[in-house]
Amino acid sequence: MRHEYEDLERMAIEAIEKHKLFFMDDVMAYLPCARSTFYHKGLDKSDAIKDAINKNRILAKVGLRKEWRFSNNAALQIALYKILATEDELQRLS
C-alpha cells in the first residue's frame, strides 16, 4: 500500500509541474484513481503535493505582479499598489 501511495504522490507532483496546476481538484483529474482513493490514502495531506502546488501559485503571483508593475493599465497599477502599501497608505487611498 505504501508503494502505491508513493507512486500516486510522484504522479501528482509530475502532473502539477507539467500542467502548472494550482488546485488539488485539478491534480486528482490527472491521477489514475478515484477522488475517494485520493482522500482515503491521505494524498490531500501530502506536504510534497502541497509544496508543489504552492510553488506554482507563488510563481504565478510573482509573474502577475511583474506584469502589473510594468503595465500602463491604471487599475492594475492601483491593485499592485494596494498589495504593497502600508496600512497608512491604504487609509489615505480610501
N, C-alpha and C. Protein backbone atom coordinates (compact mmCIF):
# COMPACT_ATOMS: atom_id res chain seq x y z
N MET A 1 0.83 -1.19 0.00
CA MET A 1 0.00 0.00 0.00
C MET A 1 0.88 1.26 0.00
N ARG A 2 1.97 1.25 0.75
CA ARG A 2 2.87 2.41 0.80
C ARG A 2 3.44 2.70 -0.58
N HIS A 3 3.75 1.63 -1.30
CA HIS A 3 4.32 1.80 -2.65
C HIS A 3 3.31 2.52 -3.55
N GLU A 4 2.05 2.14 -3.45
CA GLU A 4 1.02 2.78 -4.27
C GLU A 4 0.88 4.26 -3.90
N TYR A 5 0.95 4.57 -2.60
CA TYR A 5 0.88 5.95 -2.15
C TYR A 5 2.01 6.76 -2.77
N GLU A 6 3.21 6.23 -2.70
CA GLU A 6 4.38 6.93 -3.23
C GLU A 6 4.29 7.10 -4.74
N ASP A 7 3.77 6.09 -5.44
CA ASP A 7 3.58 6.20 -6.89
C ASP A 7 2.58 7.29 -7.22
N LEU A 8 1.46 7.32 -6.51
CA LEU A 8 0.43 8.33 -6.76
C LEU A 8 0.95 9.73 -6.41
N GLU A 9 1.70 9.83 -5.33
CA GLU A 9 2.27 11.11 -4.94
C GLU A 9 3.25 11.61 -6.02
N ARG A 10 4.09 10.72 -6.53
CA ARG A 10 5.04 11.08 -7.59
C ARG A 10 4.29 11.52 -8.84
N MET A 11 3.24 10.77 -9.23
CA MET A 11 2.46 11.14 -10.41
C MET A 11 1.77 12.49 -10.22
N ALA A 12 1.29 12.74 -9.00
CA ALA A 12 0.63 14.02 -8.71
C ALA A 12 1.61 15.18 -8.87
N ILE A 13 2.80 15.02 -8.33
CA ILE A 13 3.81 16.08 -8.42
C ILE A 13 4.22 16.30 -9.87
N GLU A 14 4.38 15.23 -10.62
CA GLU A 14 4.72 15.36 -12.04
C GLU A 14 3.62 16.12 -12.79
N ALA A 15 2.36 15.81 -12.50
CA ALA A 15 1.24 16.50 -13.15
C ALA A 15 1.20 17.97 -12.76
N ILE A 16 1.45 18.27 -11.49
CA ILE A 16 1.46 19.65 -11.01
C ILE A 16 2.51 20.46 -11.75
N GLU A 17 3.70 19.88 -11.86
CA GLU A 17 4.80 20.59 -12.52
C GLU A 17 4.57 20.72 -14.03
N LYS A 18 4.12 19.65 -14.66
CA LYS A 18 3.93 19.66 -16.11
C LYS A 18 2.80 20.58 -16.55
N HIS A 19 1.68 20.54 -15.82
CA HIS A 19 0.49 21.27 -16.24
C HIS A 19 0.27 22.57 -15.45
N LYS A 20 1.22 22.91 -14.58
CA LYS A 20 1.15 24.14 -13.78
C LYS A 20 -0.17 24.25 -13.03
N LEU A 21 -0.48 23.22 -12.26
CA LEU A 21 -1.75 23.14 -11.54
C LEU A 21 -1.71 23.95 -10.25
N PHE A 22 -2.87 24.51 -9.86
CA PHE A 22 -2.99 25.34 -8.67
C PHE A 22 -3.93 24.75 -7.62
N PHE A 23 -4.76 23.78 -8.00
CA PHE A 23 -5.79 23.28 -7.09
C PHE A 23 -5.74 21.76 -6.99
N MET A 24 -6.02 21.27 -5.79
CA MET A 24 -6.00 19.84 -5.51
C MET A 24 -6.99 19.09 -6.41
N ASP A 25 -8.16 19.68 -6.67
CA ASP A 25 -9.15 19.04 -7.54
C ASP A 25 -8.58 18.80 -8.94
N ASP A 26 -7.79 19.75 -9.43
CA ASP A 26 -7.17 19.58 -10.74
C ASP A 26 -6.15 18.45 -10.72
N VAL A 27 -5.42 18.33 -9.64
CA VAL A 27 -4.43 17.26 -9.51
C VAL A 27 -5.11 15.90 -9.61
N MET A 28 -6.22 15.75 -8.92
CA MET A 28 -6.94 14.47 -8.91
C MET A 28 -7.35 14.05 -10.31
N ALA A 29 -7.66 15.00 -11.17
CA ALA A 29 -8.10 14.68 -12.53
C ALA A 29 -7.00 14.01 -13.34
N TYR A 30 -5.75 14.21 -12.97
CA TYR A 30 -4.63 13.63 -13.71
C TYR A 30 -4.15 12.30 -13.14
N LEU A 31 -4.75 11.84 -12.07
CA LEU A 31 -4.31 10.59 -11.45
C LEU A 31 -5.21 9.42 -11.84
N PRO A 32 -4.62 8.23 -11.90
CA PRO A 32 -5.39 7.04 -12.27
C PRO A 32 -6.12 6.41 -11.08
N CYS A 33 -6.76 7.26 -10.29
CA CYS A 33 -7.52 6.74 -9.15
C CYS A 33 -8.73 7.64 -8.93
N ALA A 34 -9.66 7.16 -8.17
CA ALA A 34 -10.87 7.92 -7.86
C ALA A 34 -10.57 8.97 -6.79
N ARG A 35 -11.42 9.98 -6.73
CA ARG A 35 -11.27 11.01 -5.69
C ARG A 35 -11.28 10.37 -4.30
N SER A 36 -12.15 9.40 -4.11
CA SER A 36 -12.25 8.75 -2.80
C SER A 36 -10.94 8.06 -2.43
N THR A 37 -10.28 7.46 -3.41
CA THR A 37 -8.99 6.82 -3.17
C THR A 37 -7.94 7.86 -2.80
N PHE A 38 -7.95 8.98 -3.50
CA PHE A 38 -7.02 10.08 -3.24
C PHE A 38 -7.12 10.51 -1.78
N TYR A 39 -8.35 10.71 -1.30
CA TYR A 39 -8.56 11.14 0.08
C TYR A 39 -8.31 10.00 1.06
N HIS A 40 -8.74 8.80 0.72
CA HIS A 40 -8.56 7.64 1.61
C HIS A 40 -7.07 7.39 1.89
N LYS A 41 -6.25 7.56 0.90
CA LYS A 41 -4.80 7.35 1.06
C LYS A 41 -4.11 8.55 1.71
N GLY A 42 -4.84 9.64 1.91
CA GLY A 42 -4.28 10.81 2.57
C GLY A 42 -3.40 11.67 1.69
N LEU A 43 -3.56 11.53 0.38
CA LEU A 43 -2.74 12.34 -0.53
C LEU A 43 -3.05 13.83 -0.43
N ASP A 44 -4.25 14.16 0.02
CA ASP A 44 -4.62 15.57 0.20
C ASP A 44 -3.82 16.21 1.33
N LYS A 45 -3.18 15.39 2.16
CA LYS A 45 -2.39 15.89 3.28
C LYS A 45 -0.89 15.85 2.99
N SER A 46 -0.52 15.42 1.80
CA SER A 46 0.89 15.29 1.43
C SER A 46 1.56 16.65 1.36
N ASP A 47 2.61 16.83 2.15
CA ASP A 47 3.36 18.09 2.12
C ASP A 47 4.04 18.28 0.77
N ALA A 48 4.50 17.20 0.16
CA ALA A 48 5.17 17.31 -1.13
C ALA A 48 4.21 17.83 -2.20
N ILE A 49 2.98 17.33 -2.19
CA ILE A 49 1.97 17.79 -3.16
C ILE A 49 1.60 19.24 -2.87
N LYS A 50 1.37 19.56 -1.60
CA LYS A 50 1.02 20.94 -1.23
C LYS A 50 2.15 21.90 -1.60
N ASP A 51 3.39 21.49 -1.38
CA ASP A 51 4.53 22.35 -1.71
C ASP A 51 4.62 22.60 -3.22
N ALA A 52 4.36 21.57 -4.02
CA ALA A 52 4.41 21.72 -5.48
C ALA A 52 3.32 22.68 -5.95
N ILE A 53 2.13 22.57 -5.39
CA ILE A 53 1.03 23.48 -5.73
C ILE A 53 1.37 24.91 -5.31
N ASN A 54 1.88 25.06 -4.10
CA ASN A 54 2.23 26.39 -3.60
C ASN A 54 3.34 27.02 -4.43
N LYS A 55 4.28 26.22 -4.90
CA LYS A 55 5.34 26.74 -5.76
C LYS A 55 4.74 27.34 -7.03
N ASN A 56 3.78 26.62 -7.64
CA ASN A 56 3.11 27.14 -8.85
C ASN A 56 2.35 28.42 -8.55
N ARG A 57 1.68 28.47 -7.42
CA ARG A 57 0.91 29.66 -7.06
C ARG A 57 1.84 30.86 -6.87
N ILE A 58 2.95 30.65 -6.19
CA ILE A 58 3.90 31.73 -5.95
C ILE A 58 4.48 32.24 -7.26
N LEU A 59 4.88 31.31 -8.13
CA LEU A 59 5.44 31.72 -9.42
C LEU A 59 4.42 32.51 -10.24
N ALA A 60 3.17 32.10 -10.20
CA ALA A 60 2.12 32.81 -10.94
C ALA A 60 1.90 34.20 -10.36
N LYS A 61 1.85 34.30 -9.03
CA LYS A 61 1.63 35.60 -8.41
C LYS A 61 2.78 36.56 -8.69
N VAL A 62 4.00 36.06 -8.62
CA VAL A 62 5.17 36.90 -8.90
C VAL A 62 5.12 37.38 -10.35
N GLY A 63 4.78 36.48 -11.26
CA GLY A 63 4.67 36.84 -12.68
C GLY A 63 3.60 37.90 -12.92
N LEU A 64 2.46 37.73 -12.28
CA LEU A 64 1.38 38.71 -12.44
C LEU A 64 1.77 40.07 -11.88
N ARG A 65 2.38 40.07 -10.71
CA ARG A 65 2.79 41.35 -10.12
C ARG A 65 3.83 42.05 -11.00
N LYS A 66 4.70 41.27 -11.61
CA LYS A 66 5.69 41.86 -12.52
C LYS A 66 4.99 42.50 -13.72
N GLU A 67 4.00 41.81 -14.28
CA GLU A 67 3.23 42.36 -15.40
C GLU A 67 2.49 43.62 -14.98
N TRP A 68 1.89 43.59 -13.79
CA TRP A 68 1.15 44.75 -13.31
C TRP A 68 2.07 45.94 -13.14
N ARG A 69 3.29 45.68 -12.65
CA ARG A 69 4.23 46.76 -12.39
C ARG A 69 4.58 47.53 -13.66
N PHE A 70 4.73 46.83 -14.75
CA PHE A 70 5.16 47.46 -15.99
C PHE A 70 4.00 47.71 -16.96
N SER A 71 2.78 47.56 -16.47
CA SER A 71 1.59 47.79 -17.28
C SER A 71 1.25 49.28 -17.32
N ASN A 72 0.59 49.68 -18.39
CA ASN A 72 0.08 51.05 -18.49
C ASN A 72 -1.37 51.13 -18.01
N ASN A 73 -1.90 50.01 -17.54
CA ASN A 73 -3.28 49.93 -17.07
C ASN A 73 -3.35 50.46 -15.63
N ALA A 74 -4.06 51.55 -15.44
CA ALA A 74 -4.14 52.17 -14.11
C ALA A 74 -4.75 51.24 -13.06
N ALA A 75 -5.76 50.49 -13.44
CA ALA A 75 -6.40 49.58 -12.48
C ALA A 75 -5.41 48.55 -11.96
N LEU A 76 -4.57 48.00 -12.84
CA LEU A 76 -3.56 47.03 -12.41
C LEU A 76 -2.52 47.68 -11.52
N GLN A 77 -2.12 48.89 -11.84
CA GLN A 77 -1.13 49.60 -11.03
C GLN A 77 -1.68 49.91 -9.64
N ILE A 78 -2.95 50.30 -9.56
CA ILE A 78 -3.58 50.56 -8.27
C ILE A 78 -3.67 49.27 -7.46
N ALA A 79 -4.05 48.18 -8.11
CA ALA A 79 -4.13 46.89 -7.42
C ALA A 79 -2.78 46.51 -6.84
N LEU A 80 -1.73 46.67 -7.61
CA LEU A 80 -0.39 46.35 -7.12
C LEU A 80 -0.01 47.27 -5.97
N TYR A 81 -0.31 48.54 -6.09
CA TYR A 81 0.00 49.48 -5.03
C TYR A 81 -0.71 49.08 -3.73
N LYS A 82 -1.96 48.67 -3.84
CA LYS A 82 -2.71 48.25 -2.65
C LYS A 82 -2.09 47.01 -2.01
N ILE A 83 -1.55 46.12 -2.82
CA ILE A 83 -0.89 44.93 -2.28
C ILE A 83 0.37 45.32 -1.53
N LEU A 84 1.09 46.30 -2.04
CA LEU A 84 2.38 46.69 -1.48
C LEU A 84 2.29 47.77 -0.41
N ALA A 85 1.17 48.46 -0.32
CA ALA A 85 1.03 49.63 0.55
C ALA A 85 1.06 49.27 2.03
N THR A 86 1.50 50.26 2.81
CA THR A 86 1.41 50.16 4.26
C THR A 86 -0.02 50.44 4.68
N GLU A 87 -0.34 50.21 5.94
CA GLU A 87 -1.69 50.47 6.44
C GLU A 87 -2.03 51.96 6.29
N ASP A 88 -1.06 52.83 6.60
CA ASP A 88 -1.29 54.27 6.47
C ASP A 88 -1.59 54.65 5.03
N GLU A 89 -0.83 54.11 4.10
CA GLU A 89 -1.05 54.41 2.69
C GLU A 89 -2.42 53.90 2.21
N LEU A 90 -2.82 52.74 2.68
CA LEU A 90 -4.13 52.21 2.32
C LEU A 90 -5.25 53.11 2.83
N GLN A 91 -5.11 53.63 4.07
CA GLN A 91 -6.12 54.53 4.62
C GLN A 91 -6.21 55.81 3.80
N ARG A 92 -5.09 56.30 3.36
CA ARG A 92 -5.08 57.53 2.55
C ARG A 92 -5.73 57.32 1.19
N LEU A 93 -5.62 56.11 0.67
CA LEU A 93 -6.26 55.81 -0.63
C LEU A 93 -7.77 55.74 -0.52
N SER A 94 -8.25 55.36 0.65
CA SER A 94 -9.70 55.16 0.83
C SER A 94 -10.46 56.45 0.90
